[in-house]
C-alpha atoms as a PDB file:
ATOM      1  CA  UNK A   1     -69.474-163.227 -68.681  1.00  0.00           C
ATOM      2  CA  UNK A   2     -70.052-161.801 -65.210  1.00  0.00           C
ATOM      3  CA  UNK A   3     -66.313-161.784 -64.451  1.00  0.00           C
ATOM      4  CA  UNK A   4     -65.598-160.038 -67.765  1.00  0.00           C
ATOM      5  CA  UNK A   5     -68.234-157.414 -67.030  1.00  0.00           C
ATOM      6  CA  UNK A   6     -66.681-156.843 -63.598  1.00  0.00           C
ATOM      7  CA  UNK A   7     -63.329-156.134 -65.268  1.00  0.00           C
ATOM      8  CA  UNK A   8     -64.965-153.885 -67.860  1.00  0.00           C
ATOM      9  CA  UNK A   9     -66.792-151.974 -65.121  1.00  0.00           C
ATOM     10  CA  UNK A  10     -63.456-150.899 -63.665  1.00  0.00           C
ATOM     11  CA  UNK A  11     -62.309-149.609 -67.048  1.00  0.00           C
ATOM     12  CA  UNK A  12     -65.509-147.710 -67.885  1.00  0.00           C
ATOM     13  CA  UNK A  13     -66.805-146.783 -64.444  1.00  0.00           C
ATOM     14  CA  UNK A  14     -70.181-148.506 -64.535  1.00  0.00           C
ATOM     15  CA  UNK A  15     -71.929-150.693 -61.979  1.00  0.00           C
ATOM     16  CA  UNK A  16     -72.492-154.287 -63.104  1.00  0.00           C
ATOM     17  CA  UNK A  17     -75.606-154.620 -60.948  1.00  0.00           C
ATOM     18  CA  UNK A  18     -77.117-151.656 -62.847  1.00  0.00           C
ATOM     19  CA  UNK A  19     -76.723-153.257 -66.305  1.00  0.00           C
ATOM     20  CA  UNK A  20     -79.761-154.333 -68.282  1.00  0.00           C
ATOM     21  CA  UNK A  21     -79.460-156.533 -71.364  1.00  0.00           C
ATOM     22  CA  UNK A  22     -80.677-154.757 -74.479  1.00  0.00           C
ATOM     23  CA  UNK A  23     -82.141-156.490 -77.526  1.00  0.00           C
ATOM     24  CA  UNK A  24     -81.400-159.949 -78.822  1.00  0.00           C
ATOM     25  CA  UNK A  25     -77.655-159.535 -79.211  1.00  0.00           C
ATOM     26  CA  UNK A  26     -77.202-161.251 -82.590  1.00  0.00           C
ATOM     27  CA  UNK A  27     -73.816-159.661 -83.341  1.00  0.00           C
ATOM     28  CA  UNK A  28     -72.821-158.392 -79.903  1.00  0.00           C
ATOM     29  CA  UNK A  29     -74.106-158.407 -76.386  1.00  0.00           C
ATOM     30  CA  UNK A  30     -75.464-154.964 -75.534  1.00  0.00           C
ATOM     31  CA  UNK A  31     -76.130-153.699 -72.025  1.00  0.00           C
ATOM     32  CA  UNK A  32     -77.730-150.477 -70.909  1.00  0.00           C
ATOM     33  CA  UNK A  33     -76.356-148.776 -67.824  1.00  0.00           C
ATOM     34  CA  UNK A  34     -79.039-146.462 -66.533  1.00  0.00           C
ATOM     35  CA  UNK A  35     -77.837-144.437 -63.596  1.00  0.00           C
ATOM     36  CA  UNK A  36     -78.780-140.765 -63.773  1.00  0.00           C
ATOM     37  CA  UNK A  37     -75.173-139.592 -63.460  1.00  0.00           C
ATOM     38  CA  UNK A  38     -73.707-142.145 -65.892  1.00  0.00           C
ATOM     39  CA  UNK A  39     -76.096-143.416 -68.585  1.00  0.00           C
ATOM     40  CA  UNK A  40     -74.276-145.484 -71.161  1.00  0.00           C
ATOM     41  CA  UNK A  41     -74.388-148.541 -73.386  1.00  0.00           C
ATOM     42  CA  UNK A  42     -71.779-151.267 -73.057  1.00  0.00           C
ATOM     43  CA  UNK A  43     -71.097-153.496 -76.072  1.00  0.00           C
ATOM     44  CA  UNK A  44     -69.313-156.832 -75.706  1.00  0.00           C
ATOM     45  CA  UNK A  45     -68.011-158.747 -78.718  1.00  0.00           C
ATOM     46  CA  UNK A  46     -67.684-162.487 -78.082  1.00  0.00           C
ATOM     47  CA  UNK A  47     -64.289-164.167 -78.560  1.00  0.00           C
ATOM     48  CA  UNK A  48     -63.412-164.776 -82.201  1.00  0.00           C
ATOM     49  CA  UNK A  49     -66.334-162.725 -83.515  1.00  0.00           C
ATOM     50  CA  UNK A  50     -64.386-159.658 -84.662  1.00  0.00           C
ATOM     51  CA  UNK A  51     -60.722-158.819 -84.556  1.00  0.00           C
ATOM     52  CA  UNK A  52     -59.449-155.914 -82.520  1.00  0.00           C
ATOM     53  CA  UNK A  53     -58.646-154.119 -85.780  1.00  0.00           C
ATOM     54  CA  UNK A  54     -62.248-154.527 -86.996  1.00  0.00           C
ATOM     55  CA  UNK A  55     -63.700-153.206 -83.738  1.00  0.00           C
ATOM     56  CA  UNK A  56     -61.284-150.246 -83.708  1.00  0.00           C
ATOM     57  CA  UNK A  57     -62.204-149.465 -87.316  1.00  0.00           C
ATOM     58  CA  UNK A  58     -65.903-149.381 -86.366  1.00  0.00           C
ATOM     59  CA  UNK A  59     -65.208-147.041 -83.443  1.00  0.00           C
ATOM     60  CA  UNK A  60     -62.994-144.789 -85.591  1.00  0.00           C
ATOM     61  CA  UNK A  61     -65.825-144.582 -88.127  1.00  0.00           C
ATOM     62  CA  UNK A  62     -68.343-143.649 -85.425  1.00  0.00           C
ATOM     63  CA  UNK A  63     -65.999-140.970 -84.090  1.00  0.00           C
ATOM     64  CA  UNK A  64     -65.599-139.594 -87.620  1.00  0.00           C
ATOM     65  CA  UNK A  65     -69.386-139.456 -88.006  1.00  0.00           C
ATOM     66  CA  UNK A  66     -69.786-137.610 -84.689  1.00  0.00           C
ATOM     67  CA  UNK A  67     -67.042-135.123 -85.584  1.00  0.00           C
ATOM     68  CA  UNK A  68     -68.808-134.405 -88.874  1.00  0.00           C
ATOM     69  CA  UNK A  69     -72.251-133.799 -87.427  1.00  0.00           C
ATOM     70  CA  UNK A  70     -73.964-137.162 -87.926  1.00  0.00           C
ATOM     71  CA  UNK A  71     -76.597-137.950 -85.277  1.00  0.00           C
ATOM     72  CA  UNK A  72     -74.773-140.855 -83.629  1.00  0.00           C
ATOM     73  CA  UNK A  73     -73.670-141.241 -80.044  1.00  0.00           C
ATOM     74  CA  UNK A  74     -70.079-140.783 -78.966  1.00  0.00           C
ATOM     75  CA  UNK A  75     -67.747-143.599 -78.061  1.00  0.00           C
ATOM     76  CA  UNK A  76     -66.718-143.318 -74.402  1.00  0.00           C
ATOM     77  CA  UNK A  77     -63.004-143.613 -73.704  1.00  0.00           C
ATOM     78  CA  UNK A  78     -61.929-146.024 -70.960  1.00  0.00           C
ATOM     79  CA  UNK A  79     -59.843-145.129 -67.923  1.00  0.00           C
ATOM     80  CA  UNK A  80     -56.886-146.173 -70.094  1.00  0.00           C
ATOM     81  CA  UNK A  81     -57.936-143.440 -72.581  1.00  0.00           C
ATOM     82  CA  UNK A  82     -58.762-146.083 -75.178  1.00  0.00           C
ATOM     83  CA  UNK A  83     -61.857-146.649 -77.338  1.00  0.00           C
ATOM     84  CA  UNK A  84     -61.627-150.459 -77.212  1.00  0.00           C
ATOM     85  CA  UNK A  85     -60.626-152.637 -74.289  1.00  0.00           C
ATOM     86  CA  UNK A  86     -59.680-156.305 -74.597  1.00  0.00           C
ATOM     87  CA  UNK A  87     -60.399-158.651 -71.710  1.00  0.00           C
ATOM     88  CA  UNK A  88     -59.089-162.203 -71.425  1.00  0.00           C
ATOM     89  CA  UNK A  89     -61.658-164.938 -70.808  1.00  0.00           C
ATOM     90  CA  UNK A  90     -61.433-168.723 -70.719  1.00  0.00           C
ATOM     91  CA  UNK A  91     -62.793-168.752 -74.308  1.00  0.00           C
ATOM     92  CA  UNK A  92     -60.437-166.047 -75.608  1.00  0.00           C
ATOM     93  CA  UNK A  93     -60.318-162.262 -75.705  1.00  0.00           C
ATOM     94  CA  UNK A  94     -63.497-160.230 -75.786  1.00  0.00           C
ATOM     95  CA  UNK A  95     -63.621-156.617 -76.862  1.00  0.00           C
ATOM     96  CA  UNK A  96     -65.615-154.102 -74.855  1.00  0.00           C
ATOM     97  CA  UNK A  97     -66.659-150.653 -75.973  1.00  0.00           C
ATOM     98  CA  UNK A  98     -68.871-148.088 -74.321  1.00  0.00           C
ATOM     99  CA  UNK A  99     -71.148-145.446 -75.839  1.00  0.00           C
ATOM    100  CA  UNK A 100     -73.027-142.462 -74.545  1.00  0.00           C
ATOM    101  CA  UNK A 101     -76.704-143.171 -73.956  1.00  0.00           C
ATOM    102  CA  UNK A 102     -78.874-142.297 -76.962  1.00  0.00           C
ATOM    103  CA  UNK A 103     -82.246-140.697 -76.297  1.00  0.00           C
ATOM    104  CA  UNK A 104     -85.266-142.597 -77.507  1.00  0.00           C
ATOM    105  CA  UNK A 105     -86.533-146.134 -77.188  1.00  0.00           C
ATOM    106  CA  UNK A 106     -85.846-149.578 -78.572  1.00  0.00           C
ATOM    107  CA  UNK A 107     -87.856-150.163 -81.730  1.00  0.00           C
ATOM    108  CA  UNK A 108     -90.260-153.084 -81.485  1.00  0.00           C
ATOM    109  CA  UNK A 109     -91.916-155.002 -84.308  1.00  0.00           C
ATOM    110  CA  UNK A 110     -95.215-153.251 -83.546  1.00  0.00           C
ATOM    111  CA  UNK A 111     -93.477-149.924 -84.377  1.00  0.00           C
ATOM    112  CA  UNK A 112     -92.652-150.997 -87.956  1.00  0.00           C
ATOM    113  CA  UNK A 113     -94.217-148.764 -90.583  1.00  0.00           C
ATOM    114  CA  UNK A 114     -93.257-147.254 -93.939  1.00  0.00           C
ATOM    115  CA  UNK A 115     -92.611-143.923 -92.170  1.00  0.00           C
ATOM    116  CA  UNK A 116     -90.257-145.567 -89.658  1.00  0.00           C
ATOM    117  CA  UNK A 117     -88.217-147.218 -92.406  1.00  0.00           C
ATOM    118  CA  UNK A 118     -88.053-143.945 -94.376  1.00  0.00           C
ATOM    119  CA  UNK A 119     -86.770-142.125 -91.281  1.00  0.00           C
ATOM    120  CA  UNK A 120     -84.276-144.892 -90.525  1.00  0.00           C
ATOM    121  CA  UNK A 121     -83.009-144.725 -94.093  1.00  0.00           C
ATOM    122  CA  UNK A 122     -82.245-141.013 -93.768  1.00  0.00           C
END
């Protein structure tokens, strides 16, 4: 994974040594990049998990939501001016996408409440 992240860092201009793993990563591996001049979230899909078409469809949907005023963070385009980058690994291709950093905090189980779920549902 480290080699793949090194390749991705060149495409999205982040520093691998500044990445912090976020959450449990059930569907994807998520990393926060917290440098004051370039705060972002890097998402890595493992080989065989989702097709390139599926990942692109997700990113297109997010871009549509942003363009229509939904409170979601923007997808960051790579140096290749693309919204999804594929990187070859020994296990197969992984897809990497990058997002702008969202303000707030990671929700923990102790934060669960009826009010939280109502807000999330909106």
